[in-house]
Amino acid sequence: MIDAEALSCQELVELVTEYLEDALDVSTRTAFERHLAGCPDCTRYLRQLELIVLATGRLTPADLSPQAEEALLQAFHGWTRSS
């Protein structure tokens, strides 16, 4: 659980994926949204990510060239989500 007053920009960045996936608990979501209300930089960051999701959500595997697919596979080779 996160204290709404203590949510930093770094913490918001770390929580943004869960926010976009609607996976935050009520308390954390409230803290997240309270931070957004007072932080134009984080609001802009969130909007940029929302636009990226909107744009890339329209891509299909057929939209990727073989070179783009290989570049993505190489970029994420060995990548693991840190906890």
C-alpha atoms as a PDB file:
ATOM      1  CA  MET A   1       0.000   0.000   0.000  1.00  0.00           C
ATOM      2  CA  ILE A   2       1.337   3.441  -0.940  1.00  0.00           C
ATOM      3  CA  ASP A   3       0.824   6.668   0.983  1.00  0.00           C
ATOM      4  CA  ALA A   4      -0.860   9.111  -1.436  1.00  0.00           C
ATOM      5  CA  GLU A   5       1.210  12.010  -0.183  1.00  0.00           C
ATOM      6  CA  ALA A   6       4.499  10.126  -0.629  1.00  0.00           C
ATOM      7  CA  LEU A   7       4.089   8.830  -4.206  1.00  0.00           C
ATOM      8  CA  SER A   8       7.107  10.074  -6.144  1.00  0.00           C
ATOM      9  CA  CYS A   9       7.509  10.484  -9.871  1.00  0.00           C
ATOM     10  CA  GLN A  10       9.782   7.422  -9.881  1.00  0.00           C
ATOM     11  CA  GLU A  11       7.129   5.342  -8.102  1.00  0.00           C
ATOM     12  CA  LEU A  12       4.531   6.493 -10.625  1.00  0.00           C
ATOM     13  CA  VAL A  13       6.778   5.413 -13.496  1.00  0.00           C
ATOM     14  CA  GLU A  14       7.189   1.999 -11.860  1.00  0.00           C
ATOM     15  CA  LEU A  15       3.397   1.640 -11.493  1.00  0.00           C
ATOM     16  CA  VAL A  16       2.302   2.960 -14.883  1.00  0.00           C
ATOM     17  CA  THR A  17       1.932  -0.447 -16.567  1.00  0.00           C
ATOM     18  CA  GLU A  18      -0.282  -1.750 -13.781  1.00  0.00           C
ATOM     19  CA  TYR A  19      -2.282   1.483 -13.942  1.00  0.00           C
ATOM     20  CA  LEU A  20      -2.843   1.126 -17.671  1.00  0.00           C
ATOM     21  CA  GLU A  21      -3.861  -2.510 -17.158  1.00  0.00           C
ATOM     22  CA  ASP A  22      -6.249  -1.485 -14.344  1.00  0.00           C
ATOM     23  CA  ALA A  23      -4.344  -3.766 -11.974  1.00  0.00           C
ATOM     24  CA  LEU A  24      -3.683  -1.384  -9.066  1.00  0.00           C
ATOM     25  CA  ASP A  25      -5.482  -1.759  -5.761  1.00  0.00           C
ATOM     26  CA  VAL A  26      -7.850   1.089  -4.875  1.00  0.00           C
ATOM     27  CA  SER A  27      -5.436   2.795  -2.473  1.00  0.00           C
ATOM     28  CA  THR A  28      -2.519   2.728  -4.907  1.00  0.00           C
ATOM     29  CA  ARG A  29      -4.712   3.862  -7.804  1.00  0.00           C
ATOM     30  CA  THR A  30      -5.937   6.787  -5.676  1.00  0.00           C
ATOM     31  CA  ALA A  31      -2.345   7.737  -4.834  1.00  0.00           C
ATOM     32  CA  PHE A  32      -1.388   7.436  -8.496  1.00  0.00           C
ATOM     33  CA  GLU A  33      -4.238   9.672  -9.646  1.00  0.00           C
ATOM     34  CA  ARG A  34      -3.606  12.183  -6.857  1.00  0.00           C
ATOM     35  CA  HIS A  35       0.008  12.441  -7.971  1.00  0.00           C
ATOM     36  CA  LEU A  36      -1.112  12.955 -11.579  1.00  0.00           C
ATOM     37  CA  ALA A  37      -3.438  15.750 -10.510  1.00  0.00           C
ATOM     38  CA  GLY A  38      -0.485  17.732  -9.189  1.00  0.00           C
ATOM     39  CA  CYS A  39       2.289  16.731 -11.589  1.00  0.00           C
ATOM     40  CA  PRO A  40       2.095  17.909 -15.205  1.00  0.00           C
ATOM     41  CA  ASP A  41       5.261  16.014 -16.152  1.00  0.00           C
ATOM     42  CA  CYS A  42       3.845  12.659 -15.027  1.00  0.00           C
ATOM     43  CA  THR A  43       0.513  13.501 -16.657  1.00  0.00           C
ATOM     44  CA  ARG A  44       2.357  14.143 -19.944  1.00  0.00           C
ATOM     45  CA  TYR A  45       4.340  10.901 -19.517  1.00  0.00           C
ATOM     46  CA  LEU A  46       1.159   8.887 -18.971  1.00  0.00           C
ATOM     47  CA  ARG A  47      -0.518  10.488 -22.007  1.00  0.00           C
ATOM     48  CA  GLN A  48       2.501   9.646 -24.180  1.00  0.00           C
ATOM     49  CA  LEU A  49       2.320   6.014 -23.091  1.00  0.00           C
ATOM     50  CA  GLU A  50      -1.424   5.910 -23.726  1.00  0.00           C
ATOM     51  CA  LEU A  51      -0.819   7.213 -27.264  1.00  0.00           C
ATOM     52  CA  ILE A  52       1.892   4.611 -27.842  1.00  0.00           C
ATOM     53  CA  VAL A  53      -0.430   1.842 -26.672  1.00  0.00           C
ATOM     54  CA  LEU A  54      -3.164   3.178 -28.944  1.00  0.00           C
ATOM     55  CA  ALA A  55      -0.848   3.283 -31.957  1.00  0.00           C
ATOM     56  CA  THR A  56       0.847  -0.051 -31.397  1.00  0.00           C
ATOM     57  CA  GLY A  57      -2.400  -1.737 -30.473  1.00  0.00           C
ATOM     58  CA  ARG A  58      -3.292  -1.538 -34.141  1.00  0.00           C
ATOM     59  CA  LEU A  59      -0.206  -3.446 -35.265  1.00  0.00           C
ATOM     60  CA  THR A  60      -0.487  -7.052 -36.314  1.00  0.00           C
ATOM     61  CA  PRO A  61       2.363  -9.517 -36.814  1.00  0.00           C
ATOM     62  CA  ALA A  62       1.940  -9.029 -40.571  1.00  0.00           C
ATOM     63  CA  ASP A  63       2.790  -5.330 -40.113  1.00  0.00           C
ATOM     64  CA  LEU A  64       6.340  -6.161 -39.012  1.00  0.00           C
ATOM     65  CA  SER A  65       9.053  -6.693 -41.537  1.00  0.00           C
ATOM     66  CA  PRO A  66      11.305  -9.690 -40.896  1.00  0.00           C
ATOM     67  CA  GLN A  67      14.077  -7.221 -40.012  1.00  0.00           C
ATOM     68  CA  ALA A  68      11.880  -5.424 -37.457  1.00  0.00           C
ATOM     69  CA  GLU A  69      10.841  -8.733 -35.924  1.00  0.00           C
ATOM     70  CA  GLU A  70      14.475  -9.824 -35.624  1.00  0.00           C
ATOM     71  CA  ALA A  71      15.472  -6.462 -34.110  1.00  0.00           C
ATOM     72  CA  LEU A  72      12.726  -6.768 -31.489  1.00  0.00           C
ATOM     73  CA  LEU A  73      13.669 -10.343 -30.665  1.00  0.00           C
ATOM     74  CA  GLN A  74      17.312  -9.296 -30.237  1.00  0.00           C
ATOM     75  CA  ALA A  75      16.359  -6.276 -28.112  1.00  0.00           C
ATOM     76  CA  PHE A  76      14.369  -8.398 -25.690  1.00  0.00           C
ATOM     77  CA  HIS A  77      16.580 -11.492 -25.711  1.00  0.00           C
ATOM     78  CA  GLY A  78      17.334 -12.359 -22.126  1.00  0.00           C
ATOM     79  CA  TRP A  79      15.044  -9.628 -20.775  1.00  0.00           C
ATOM     80  CA  THR A  80      13.310 -10.405 -17.508  1.00  0.00           C
ATOM     81  CA  ARG A  81      10.881  -8.342 -15.501  1.00  0.00           C
ATOM     82  CA  SER A  82      12.456  -7.133 -12.289  1.00  0.00           C
ATOM     83  CA  SER A  83      10.360  -7.423  -9.174  1.00  0.00           C
END
